[in-house]
Amino acid sequence: MFARENACTPGTPFPAARHVDAEAFASYRAFPFRMPLAQHVADAVNAAALFGVGAGAVIGALDRLRRGALRAARR
């Protein structure tokens, strides 16, 4: 997991001093680690894209409802 940022190489075992972190990792629980800047940027881009898609869906739905109300009023 992010070898350079966490001062290790892939496959490096946890040192004995970090046995609590090793147990957490093996048990699929959270433990402290560092993420690279590129991962933070990718997370931000992903969040912005999800927001944009959600906002577009809401705007599209509201526009569709508005157009339906206008058609009903014309009848």
PDB file of N, CA and C in Angstrom:
ATOM      1  N   MET A   1       0.831  -1.184   0.000  1.00  0.00           N
ATOM      2  CA  MET A   1       0.000   0.000   0.000  1.00  0.00           C
ATOM      3  C   MET A   1       0.872   1.242   0.000  1.00  0.00           C
ATOM      4  N   PHE A   2       1.022   1.853  -1.152  1.00  0.00           N
ATOM      5  CA  PHE A   2       1.747   3.117  -1.257  1.00  0.00           C
ATOM      6  C   PHE A   2       3.140   2.997  -0.634  1.00  0.00           C
ATOM      7  N   ALA A   3       3.955   2.157  -1.235  1.00  0.00           N
ATOM      8  CA  ALA A   3       5.263   1.795  -0.663  1.00  0.00           C
ATOM      9  C   ALA A   3       6.154   2.992  -0.352  1.00  0.00           C
ATOM     10  N   ARG A   4       6.308   3.902  -1.297  1.00  0.00           N
ATOM     11  CA  ARG A   4       7.217   5.028  -1.080  1.00  0.00           C
ATOM     12  C   ARG A   4       6.774   5.894   0.101  1.00  0.00           C
ATOM     13  N   GLU A   5       5.489   6.198   0.189  1.00  0.00           N
ATOM     14  CA  GLU A   5       4.977   7.066   1.244  1.00  0.00           C
ATOM     15  C   GLU A   5       5.058   6.414   2.623  1.00  0.00           C
ATOM     16  N   ASN A   6       5.034   5.085   2.664  1.00  0.00           N
ATOM     17  CA  ASN A   6       5.053   4.376   3.938  1.00  0.00           C
ATOM     18  C   ASN A   6       6.396   3.701   4.213  1.00  0.00           C
ATOM     19  N   ALA A   7       7.421   4.095   3.455  1.00  0.00           N
ATOM     20  CA  ALA A   7       8.800   3.621   3.649  1.00  0.00           C
ATOM     21  C   ALA A   7       8.902   2.102   3.656  1.00  0.00           C
ATOM     22  N   CYS A   8       8.345   1.476   2.624  1.00  0.00           N
ATOM     23  CA  CYS A   8       8.458   0.029   2.508  1.00  0.00           C
ATOM     24  C   CYS A   8       8.400  -0.353   1.035  1.00  0.00           C
ATOM     25  N   THR A   9       8.593  -1.624   0.746  1.00  0.00           N
ATOM     26  CA  THR A   9       8.443  -2.151  -0.607  1.00  0.00           C
ATOM     27  C   THR A   9       7.317  -3.175  -0.569  1.00  0.00           C
ATOM     28  N   PRO A  10       6.704  -3.465  -1.713  1.00  0.00           N
ATOM     29  CA  PRO A  10       5.636  -4.469  -1.711  1.00  0.00           C
ATOM     30  C   PRO A  10       6.144  -5.799  -1.148  1.00  0.00           C
ATOM     31  N   GLY A  11       5.398  -6.363  -0.241  1.00  0.00           N
ATOM     32  CA  GLY A  11       5.766  -7.627   0.380  1.00  0.00           C
ATOM     33  C   GLY A  11       6.556  -7.499   1.667  1.00  0.00           C
ATOM     34  N   THR A  12       6.939  -6.274   2.034  1.00  0.00           N
ATOM     35  CA  THR A  12       7.687  -6.068   3.274  1.00  0.00           C
ATOM     36  C   THR A  12       6.781  -6.387   4.461  1.00  0.00           C
ATOM     37  N   PRO A  13       7.228  -7.246   5.378  1.00  0.00           N
ATOM     38  CA  PRO A  13       6.387  -7.535   6.546  1.00  0.00           C
ATOM     39  C   PRO A  13       6.363  -6.357   7.514  1.00  0.00           C
ATOM     40  N   PHE A  14       5.337  -6.314   8.316  1.00  0.00           N
ATOM     41  CA  PHE A  14       5.262  -5.287   9.352  1.00  0.00           C
ATOM     42  C   PHE A  14       6.373  -5.536  10.368  1.00  0.00           C
ATOM     43  N   PRO A  15       7.044  -4.481  10.844  1.00  0.00           N
ATOM     44  CA  PRO A  15       8.040  -4.681  11.910  1.00  0.00           C
ATOM     45  C   PRO A  15       7.345  -5.084  13.213  1.00  0.00           C
ATOM     46  N   ALA A  16       8.094  -5.701  14.107  1.00  0.00           N
ATOM     47  CA  ALA A  16       7.526  -6.177  15.375  1.00  0.00           C
ATOM     48  C   ALA A  16       6.900  -5.043  16.174  1.00  0.00           C
ATOM     49  N   ALA A  17       7.446  -3.849  16.057  1.00  0.00           N
ATOM     50  CA  ALA A  17       6.918  -2.706  16.805  1.00  0.00           C
ATOM     51  C   ALA A  17       5.516  -2.309  16.328  1.00  0.00           C
ATOM     52  N   ARG A  18       5.138  -2.756  15.137  1.00  0.00           N
ATOM     53  CA  ARG A  18       3.819  -2.399  14.596  1.00  0.00           C
ATOM     54  C   ARG A  18       2.888  -3.612  14.555  1.00  0.00           C
ATOM     55  N   HIS A  19       3.008  -4.503  15.534  1.00  0.00           N
ATOM     56  CA  HIS A  19       2.186  -5.712  15.532  1.00  0.00           C
ATOM     57  C   HIS A  19       0.688  -5.400  15.622  1.00  0.00           C
ATOM     58  N   VAL A  20       0.326  -4.316  16.282  1.00  0.00           N
ATOM     59  CA  VAL A  20      -1.091  -3.933  16.370  1.00  0.00           C
ATOM     60  C   VAL A  20      -1.608  -3.556  14.980  1.00  0.00           C
ATOM     61  N   ASP A  21      -0.792  -2.812  14.216  1.00  0.00           N
ATOM     62  CA  ASP A  21      -1.175  -2.451  12.846  1.00  0.00           C
ATOM     63  C   ASP A  21      -1.273  -3.697  11.971  1.00  0.00           C
ATOM     64  N   ALA A  22      -0.354  -4.640  12.153  1.00  0.00           N
ATOM     65  CA  ALA A  22      -0.378  -5.882  11.376  1.00  0.00           C
ATOM     66  C   ALA A  22      -1.648  -6.675  11.665  1.00  0.00           C
ATOM     67  N   GLU A  23      -2.033  -6.750  12.926  1.00  0.00           N
ATOM     68  CA  GLU A  23      -3.264  -7.458  13.288  1.00  0.00           C
ATOM     69  C   GLU A  23      -4.486  -6.756  12.697  1.00  0.00           C
ATOM     70  N   ALA A  24      -4.486  -5.436  12.730  1.00  0.00           N
ATOM     71  CA  ALA A  24      -5.599  -4.679  12.147  1.00  0.00           C
ATOM     72  C   ALA A  24      -5.674  -4.921  10.643  1.00  0.00           C
ATOM     73  N   PHE A  25      -4.524  -4.904   9.967  1.00  0.00           N
ATOM     74  CA  PHE A  25      -4.472  -5.147   8.525  1.00  0.00           C
ATOM     75  C   PHE A  25      -5.001  -6.541   8.202  1.00  0.00           C
ATOM     76  N   ALA A  26      -4.558  -7.544   8.950  1.00  0.00           N
ATOM     77  CA  ALA A  26      -4.980  -8.923   8.708  1.00  0.00           C
ATOM     78  C   ALA A  26      -6.460  -9.137   9.013  1.00  0.00           C
ATOM     79  N   SER A  27      -7.021  -8.304   9.862  1.00  0.00           N
ATOM     80  CA  SER A  27      -8.436  -8.419  10.239  1.00  0.00           C
ATOM     81  C   SER A  27      -9.329  -7.469   9.446  1.00  0.00           C
ATOM     82  N   TYR A  28      -8.767  -6.841   8.398  1.00  0.00           N
ATOM     83  CA  TYR A  28      -9.516  -5.905   7.554  1.00  0.00           C
ATOM     84  C   TYR A  28     -10.060  -4.717   8.345  1.00  0.00           C
ATOM     85  N   ARG A  29      -9.335  -4.298   9.376  1.00  0.00           N
ATOM     86  CA  ARG A  29      -9.699  -3.107  10.139  1.00  0.00           C
ATOM     87  C   ARG A  29      -8.774  -1.961   9.731  1.00  0.00           C
ATOM     88  N   ALA A  30      -9.185  -0.758  10.046  1.00  0.00           N
ATOM     89  CA  ALA A  30      -8.393   0.426   9.691  1.00  0.00           C
ATOM     90  C   ALA A  30      -7.111   0.486  10.513  1.00  0.00           C
ATOM     91  N   PHE A  31      -6.063   0.993   9.896  1.00  0.00           N
ATOM     92  CA  PHE A  31      -4.800   1.257  10.586  1.00  0.00           C
ATOM     93  C   PHE A  31      -4.163   2.456   9.907  1.00  0.00           C
ATOM     94  N   PRO A  32      -3.302   3.193  10.593  1.00  0.00           N
ATOM     95  CA  PRO A  32      -2.738   4.416  10.019  1.00  0.00           C
ATOM     96  C   PRO A  32      -1.748   4.125   8.886  1.00  0.00           C
ATOM     97  N   PHE A  33      -1.899   4.838   7.785  1.00  0.00           N
ATOM     98  CA  PHE A  33      -0.963   4.775   6.664  1.00  0.00           C
ATOM     99  C   PHE A  33      -1.065   6.081   5.896  1.00  0.00           C
ATOM    100  N   ARG A  34      -0.118   6.316   5.014  1.00  0.00           N
ATOM    101  CA  ARG A  34      -0.103   7.558   4.228  1.00  0.00           C
ATOM    102  C   ARG A  34      -0.450   7.264   2.776  1.00  0.00           C
ATOM    103  N   MET A  35      -1.216   8.170   2.189  1.00  0.00           N
ATOM    104  CA  MET A  35      -1.550   8.063   0.771  1.00  0.00           C
ATOM    105  C   MET A  35      -0.747   9.102  -0.001  1.00  0.00           C
ATOM    106  N   PRO A  36      -0.363   8.781  -1.242  1.00  0.00           N
ATOM    107  CA  PRO A  36       0.365   9.757  -2.051  1.00  0.00           C
ATOM    108  C   PRO A  36      -0.552  10.896  -2.504  1.00  0.00           C
ATOM    109  N   LEU A  37       0.073  11.998  -2.877  1.00  0.00           N
ATOM    110  CA  LEU A  37      -0.678  13.164  -3.347  1.00  0.00           C
ATOM    111  C   LEU A  37      -1.561  12.802  -4.537  1.00  0.00           C
ATOM    112  N   ALA A  38      -1.051  11.968  -5.443  1.00  0.00           N
ATOM    113  CA  ALA A  38      -1.839  11.583  -6.616  1.00  0.00           C
ATOM    114  C   ALA A  38      -3.143  10.897  -6.212  1.00  0.00           C
ATOM    115  N   GLN A  39      -3.122  10.121  -5.138  1.00  0.00           N
ATOM    116  CA  GLN A  39      -4.348   9.459  -4.677  1.00  0.00           C
ATOM    117  C   GLN A  39      -5.330  10.474  -4.114  1.00  0.00           C
ATOM    118  N   HIS A  40      -4.828  11.464  -3.403  1.00  0.00           N
ATOM    119  CA  HIS A  40      -5.704  12.522  -2.888  1.00  0.00           C
ATOM    120  C   HIS A  40      -6.343  13.295  -4.043  1.00  0.00           C
ATOM    121  N   VAL A  41      -5.556  13.578  -5.084  1.00  0.00           N
ATOM    122  CA  VAL A  41      -6.084  14.282  -6.259  1.00  0.00           C
ATOM    123  C   VAL A  41      -7.140  13.421  -6.946  1.00  0.00           C
ATOM    124  N   ALA A  42      -6.853  12.127  -7.123  1.00  0.00           N
ATOM    125  CA  ALA A  42      -7.813  11.226  -7.760  1.00  0.00           C
ATOM    126  C   ALA A  42      -9.108  11.141  -6.950  1.00  0.00           C
ATOM    127  N   ASP A  43      -9.002  11.101  -5.637  1.00  0.00           N
ATOM    128  CA  ASP A  43     -10.192  11.075  -4.783  1.00  0.00           C
ATOM    129  C   ASP A  43     -11.018  12.348  -4.954  1.00  0.00           C
ATOM    130  N   ALA A  44     -10.347  13.496  -5.041  1.00  0.00           N
ATOM    131  CA  ALA A  44     -11.050  14.768  -5.216  1.00  0.00           C
ATOM    132  C   ALA A  44     -11.733  14.830  -6.581  1.00  0.00           C
ATOM    133  N   VAL A  45     -11.052  14.368  -7.625  1.00  0.00           N
ATOM    134  CA  VAL A  45     -11.642  14.351  -8.968  1.00  0.00           C
ATOM    135  C   VAL A  45     -12.858  13.430  -8.986  1.00  0.00           C
ATOM    136  N   ASN A  46     -12.738  12.272  -8.358  1.00  0.00           N
ATOM    137  CA  ASN A  46     -13.850  11.332  -8.291  1.00  0.00           C
ATOM    138  C   ASN A  46     -15.047  11.945  -7.562  1.00  0.00           C
ATOM    139  N   ALA A  47     -14.804  12.604  -6.442  1.00  0.00           N
ATOM    140  CA  ALA A  47     -15.889  13.243  -5.690  1.00  0.00           C
ATOM    141  C   ALA A  47     -16.560  14.331  -6.523  1.00  0.00           C
ATOM    142  N   ALA A  48     -15.758  15.129  -7.228  1.00  0.00           N
ATOM    143  CA  ALA A  48     -16.318  16.190  -8.069  1.00  0.00           C
ATOM    144  C   ALA A  48     -17.152  15.596  -9.204  1.00  0.00           C
ATOM    145  N   ALA A  49     -16.671  14.507  -9.801  1.00  0.00           N
ATOM    146  CA  ALA A  49     -17.412  13.866 -10.886  1.00  0.00           C
ATOM    147  C   ALA A  49     -18.728  13.283 -10.378  1.00  0.00           C
ATOM    148  N   LEU A  50     -18.694  12.637  -9.222  1.00  0.00           N
ATOM    149  CA  LEU A  50     -19.927  12.093  -8.648  1.00  0.00           C
ATOM    150  C   LEU A  50     -20.926  13.204  -8.339  1.00  0.00           C
ATOM    151  N   PHE A  51     -20.431  14.314  -7.803  1.00  0.00           N
ATOM    152  CA  PHE A  51     -21.302  15.454  -7.531  1.00  0.00           C
ATOM    153  C   PHE A  51     -21.904  15.974  -8.834  1.00  0.00           C
ATOM    154  N   GLY A  52     -21.074  16.093  -9.881  1.00  0.00           N
ATOM    155  CA  GLY A  52     -21.557  16.588 -11.165  1.00  0.00           C
ATOM    156  C   GLY A  52     -22.622  15.692 -11.771  1.00  0.00           C
ATOM    157  N   VAL A  53     -22.410  14.391 -11.708  1.00  0.00           N
ATOM    158  CA  VAL A  53     -23.401  13.449 -12.241  1.00  0.00           C
ATOM    159  C   VAL A  53     -24.697  13.533 -11.438  1.00  0.00           C
ATOM    160  N   GLY A  54     -24.571  13.583 -10.125  1.00  0.00           N
ATOM    161  CA  GLY A  54     -25.764  13.694  -9.278  1.00  0.00           C
ATOM    162  C   GLY A  54     -26.518  14.984  -9.525  1.00  0.00           C
ATOM    163  N   ALA A  55     -25.786  16.089  -9.623  1.00  0.00           N
ATOM    164  CA  ALA A  55     -26.417  17.381  -9.888  1.00  0.00           C
ATOM    165  C   ALA A  55     -27.095  17.373 -11.254  1.00  0.00           C
ATOM    166  N   GLY A  56     -26.445  16.780 -12.241  1.00  0.00           N
ATOM    167  CA  GLY A  56     -27.043  16.690 -13.569  1.00  0.00           C
ATOM    168  C   GLY A  56     -28.322  15.871 -13.568  1.00  0.00           C
ATOM    169  N   ALA A  57     -28.326  14.781 -12.809  1.00  0.00           N
ATOM    170  CA  ALA A  57     -29.524  13.948 -12.720  1.00  0.00           C
ATOM    171  C   ALA A  57     -30.668  14.705 -12.051  1.00  0.00           C
ATOM    172  N   VAL A  58     -30.366  15.434 -10.993  1.00  0.00           N
ATOM    173  CA  VAL A  58     -31.399  16.213 -10.298  1.00  0.00           C
ATOM    174  C   VAL A  58     -31.927  17.316 -11.205  1.00  0.00           C
ATOM    175  N   ILE A  59     -31.034  18.029 -11.872  1.00  0.00           N
ATOM    176  CA  ILE A  59     -31.461  19.107 -12.775  1.00  0.00           C
ATOM    177  C   ILE A  59     -32.298  18.542 -13.913  1.00  0.00           C
ATOM    178  N   GLY A  60     -31.869  17.408 -14.470  1.00  0.00           N
ATOM    179  CA  GLY A  60     -32.641  16.776 -15.542  1.00  0.00           C
ATOM    180  C   GLY A  60     -34.024  16.347 -15.081  1.00  0.00           C
ATOM    181  N   ALA A  61     -34.106  15.776 -13.887  1.00  0.00           N
ATOM    182  CA  ALA A  61     -35.405  15.345 -13.361  1.00  0.00           C
ATOM    183  C   ALA A  61     -36.314  16.544 -13.108  1.00  0.00           C
ATOM    184  N   LEU A  62     -35.759  17.601 -12.529  1.00  0.00           N
ATOM    185  CA  LEU A  62     -36.567  18.802 -12.282  1.00  0.00           C
ATOM    186  C   LEU A  62     -37.038  19.427 -13.587  1.00  0.00           C
ATOM    187  N   ASP A  63     -36.183  19.443 -14.609  1.00  0.00           N
ATOM    188  CA  ASP A  63     -36.566  19.995 -15.908  1.00  0.00           C
ATOM    189  C   ASP A  63     -37.672  19.155 -16.534  1.00  0.00           C
ATOM    190  N   ARG A  64     -37.547  17.847 -16.406  1.00  0.00           N
ATOM    191  CA  ARG A  64     -38.573  16.965 -16.965  1.00  0.00           C
ATOM    192  C   ARG A  64     -39.918  17.183 -16.256  1.00  0.00           C
ATOM    193  N   LEU A  65     -39.880  17.331 -14.936  1.00  0.00           N
ATOM    194  CA  LEU A  65     -41.115  17.607 -14.191  1.00  0.00           C
ATOM    195  C   LEU A  65     -41.714  18.952 -14.592  1.00  0.00           C
ATOM    196  N   ARG A  66     -40.856  19.954 -14.767  1.00  0.00           N
ATOM    197  CA  ARG A  66     -41.331  21.285 -15.155  1.00  0.00           C
ATOM    198  C   ARG A  66     -41.982  21.234 -16.531  1.00  0.00           C
ATOM    199  N   ARG A  67     -41.356  20.532 -17.465  1.00  0.00           N
ATOM    200  CA  ARG A  67     -41.927  20.439 -18.816  1.00  0.00           C
ATOM    201  C   ARG A  67     -43.251  19.685 -18.807  1.00  0.00           C
ATOM    202  N   GLY A  68     -43.336  18.657 -17.968  1.00  0.00           N
ATOM    203  CA  GLY A  68     -44.600  17.918 -17.853  1.00  0.00           C
ATOM    204  C   GLY A  68     -45.702  18.791 -17.285  1.00  0.00           C
ATOM    205  N   ALA A  69     -45.376  19.634 -16.312  1.00  0.00           N
ATOM    206  CA  ALA A  69     -46.366  20.541 -15.721  1.00  0.00           C
ATOM    207  C   ALA A  69     -46.811  21.579 -16.740  1.00  0.00           C
ATOM    208  N   LEU A  70     -45.889  22.054 -17.569  1.00  0.00           N
ATOM    209  CA  LEU A  70     -46.254  23.035 -18.596  1.00  0.00           C
ATOM    210  C   LEU A  70     -47.173  22.411 -19.635  1.00  0.00           C
ATOM    211  N   ARG A  71     -46.903  21.171 -20.033  1.00  0.00           N
ATOM    212  CA  ARG A  71     -47.769  20.496 -21.008  1.00  0.00           C
ATOM    213  C   ARG A  71     -49.168  20.291 -20.431  1.00  0.00           C
ATOM    214  N   ALA A  72     -49.234  19.908 -19.159  1.00  0.00           N
ATOM    215  CA  ALA A  72     -50.537  19.681 -18.523  1.00  0.00           C
ATOM    216  C   ALA A  72     -51.322  20.987 -18.421  1.00  0.00           C
ATOM    217  N   ALA A  73     -50.654  22.094 -18.191  1.00  0.00           N
ATOM    218  CA  ALA A  73     -51.326  23.391 -18.061  1.00  0.00           C
ATOM    219  C   ALA A  73     -51.863  23.872 -19.402  1.00  0.00           C
ATOM    220  N   ARG A  74     -51.241  23.473 -20.501  1.00  0.00           N
ATOM    221  CA  ARG A  74     -51.677  23.906 -21.834  1.00  0.00           C
ATOM    222  C   ARG A  74     -52.924  23.168 -22.294  1.00  0.00           C
ATOM    223  N   ARG A  75     -53.220  22.044 -21.710  1.00  0.00           N
ATOM    224  CA  ARG A  75     -54.359  21.234 -22.176  1.00  0.00           C
ATOM    225  C   ARG A  75     -55.657  21.781 -21.745  1.00  0.00           C
TER     226      ARG A  75
END
